[in-house]
Structure formats: structure tokens, C-alpha cells
Amino acid sequence: MTGSNYWFTGINQNIGNGGYSIAYGTGFTSDKTKLIITPSGNVGIGTTGPSERFVVKDAGDSWSDAH
């Protein structure tokens, strides 16, 4: 079905760090990624490049846990 949204999971080669991603949309691209786990173990929600252990971004706001 053209134009339908789907959930995608797996190693996303479209993202530079190649982490495990969960995406929702019409394709498995970085702009559709909802959650990523990088090879270094950082987790990002709403971002494809978490610089700390746990980063959440929403509409320009962000929160992180550097502990």
C-alpha cells in the first residue's frame, strides 16, 4: 500500500552510526526514527545522535541523564 505508515526495526544503515533503530513512517530513514540504541550503548528518543547515555528530545527541548 503506497503512502501507508509502518513500524520498522533493525540496524538502520541510513543513519551514520548504524545503531539499532525503531522507526515509524513510510520508510526506514533517520527522519522517521523514534528510538535508537547506538553501538556505544547510548539511547536516544526523538534523536538519532544521542551524545550521552540517555537523551530525550521533543520539539526543540531535550533532557539527558549523564550519570
C-alpha atoms as a PDB file:
ATOM      1  CA  MET A   1       0.000   0.000   0.000  1.00  0.00           C
ATOM      2  CA  THR A   2       1.638   3.196  -1.154  1.00  0.00           C
ATOM      3  CA  GLY A   3       1.776   6.001   1.397  1.00  0.00           C
ATOM      4  CA  SER A   4       0.894   3.836   4.391  1.00  0.00           C
ATOM      5  CA  ASN A   5       2.856   4.117   7.623  1.00  0.00           C
ATOM      6  CA  TYR A   6       4.572   1.080   9.114  1.00  0.00           C
ATOM      7  CA  TRP A   7       6.822   0.285  12.083  1.00  0.00           C
ATOM      8  CA  PHE A   8      10.427  -0.590  11.136  1.00  0.00           C
ATOM      9  CA  THR A   9      13.027  -2.144  13.457  1.00  0.00           C
ATOM     10  CA  GLY A  10      16.618  -3.175  12.979  1.00  0.00           C
ATOM     11  CA  ILE A  11      20.048  -1.839  12.079  1.00  0.00           C
ATOM     12  CA  ASN A  12      19.411   1.331  10.088  1.00  0.00           C
ATOM     13  CA  GLN A  13      22.209   1.813   7.559  1.00  0.00           C
ATOM     14  CA  ASN A  14      20.759   5.238   6.663  1.00  0.00           C
ATOM     15  CA  ILE A  15      21.987   6.620   9.995  1.00  0.00           C
ATOM     16  CA  GLY A  16      25.702   7.353  10.257  1.00  0.00           C
ATOM     17  CA  ASN A  17      26.305   5.428  13.487  1.00  0.00           C
ATOM     18  CA  GLY A  18      24.383   2.347  12.314  1.00  0.00           C
ATOM     19  CA  GLY A  19      22.639   1.782  15.620  1.00  0.00           C
ATOM     20  CA  TYR A  20      19.568  -0.324  16.282  1.00  0.00           C
ATOM     21  CA  SER A  21      16.506   1.766  15.469  1.00  0.00           C
ATOM     22  CA  ILE A  22      12.747   1.777  15.752  1.00  0.00           C
ATOM     23  CA  ALA A  23      11.059   3.990  13.162  1.00  0.00           C
ATOM     24  CA  TYR A  24       7.509   4.760  12.087  1.00  0.00           C
ATOM     25  CA  GLY A  25       6.560   6.078   8.685  1.00  0.00           C
ATOM     26  CA  THR A  26       6.665   5.268   5.017  1.00  0.00           C
ATOM     27  CA  GLY A  27      10.352   4.275   5.060  1.00  0.00           C
ATOM     28  CA  PHE A  28      13.252   3.346   7.333  1.00  0.00           C
ATOM     29  CA  THR A  29      15.002   6.727   7.285  1.00  0.00           C
ATOM     30  CA  SER A  30      16.627   8.807  10.000  1.00  0.00           C
ATOM     31  CA  ASP A  31      13.841  11.408   9.988  1.00  0.00           C
ATOM     32  CA  LYS A  32      11.327   8.653  10.842  1.00  0.00           C
ATOM     33  CA  THR A  33      13.387   7.186  13.698  1.00  0.00           C
ATOM     34  CA  LYS A  34      11.638   7.286  17.060  1.00  0.00           C
ATOM     35  CA  LEU A  35      14.238   5.438  19.184  1.00  0.00           C
ATOM     36  CA  ILE A  36      17.873   4.475  18.648  1.00  0.00           C
ATOM     37  CA  ILE A  37      20.454   2.482  20.556  1.00  0.00           C
ATOM     38  CA  THR A  38      23.941   3.381  19.335  1.00  0.00           C
ATOM     39  CA  PRO A  39      26.820   0.900  19.125  1.00  0.00           C
ATOM     40  CA  SER A  40      28.333   2.626  22.191  1.00  0.00           C
ATOM     41  CA  GLY A  41      25.143   1.957  24.192  1.00  0.00           C
ATOM     42  CA  ASN A  42      23.652   5.453  24.200  1.00  0.00           C
ATOM     43  CA  VAL A  43      19.862   5.584  23.896  1.00  0.00           C
ATOM     44  CA  GLY A  44      18.024   8.371  22.127  1.00  0.00           C
ATOM     45  CA  ILE A  45      14.312   9.078  21.866  1.00  0.00           C
ATOM     46  CA  GLY A  46      13.480  11.756  19.317  1.00  0.00           C
ATOM     47  CA  THR A  47      17.109  11.999  18.202  1.00  0.00           C
ATOM     48  CA  THR A  48      19.383   9.865  16.035  1.00  0.00           C
ATOM     49  CA  GLY A  49      22.593  11.082  17.686  1.00  0.00           C
ATOM     50  CA  PRO A  50      22.416  10.800  21.471  1.00  0.00           C
ATOM     51  CA  SER A  51      25.683  12.109  22.935  1.00  0.00           C
ATOM     52  CA  GLU A  52      25.012  10.768  26.430  1.00  0.00           C
ATOM     53  CA  ARG A  53      23.714   7.550  27.963  1.00  0.00           C
ATOM     54  CA  PHE A  54      20.019   8.575  27.712  1.00  0.00           C
ATOM     55  CA  VAL A  55      18.684  11.539  25.718  1.00  0.00           C
ATOM     56  CA  VAL A  56      15.060  12.520  25.080  1.00  0.00           C
ATOM     57  CA  LYS A  57      14.213  15.314  22.627  1.00  0.00           C
ATOM     58  CA  ASP A  58      10.808  16.761  21.839  1.00  0.00           C
ATOM     59  CA  ALA A  59      10.153  19.847  19.697  1.00  0.00           C
ATOM     60  CA  GLY A  60      13.477  21.515  20.457  1.00  0.00           C
ATOM     61  CA  ASP A  61      13.540  20.650  24.156  1.00  0.00           C
ATOM     62  CA  SER A  62      15.864  17.997  25.483  1.00  0.00           C
ATOM     63  CA  TRP A  63      16.610  16.132  28.691  1.00  0.00           C
ATOM     64  CA  SER A  64      19.549  13.862  29.335  1.00  0.00           C
ATOM     65  CA  ASP A  65      20.921  11.721  32.116  1.00  0.00           C
ATOM     66  CA  ALA A  66      24.708  11.896  32.243  1.00  0.00           C
ATOM     67  CA  HIS A  67      25.038   9.686  35.335  1.00  0.00           C
END
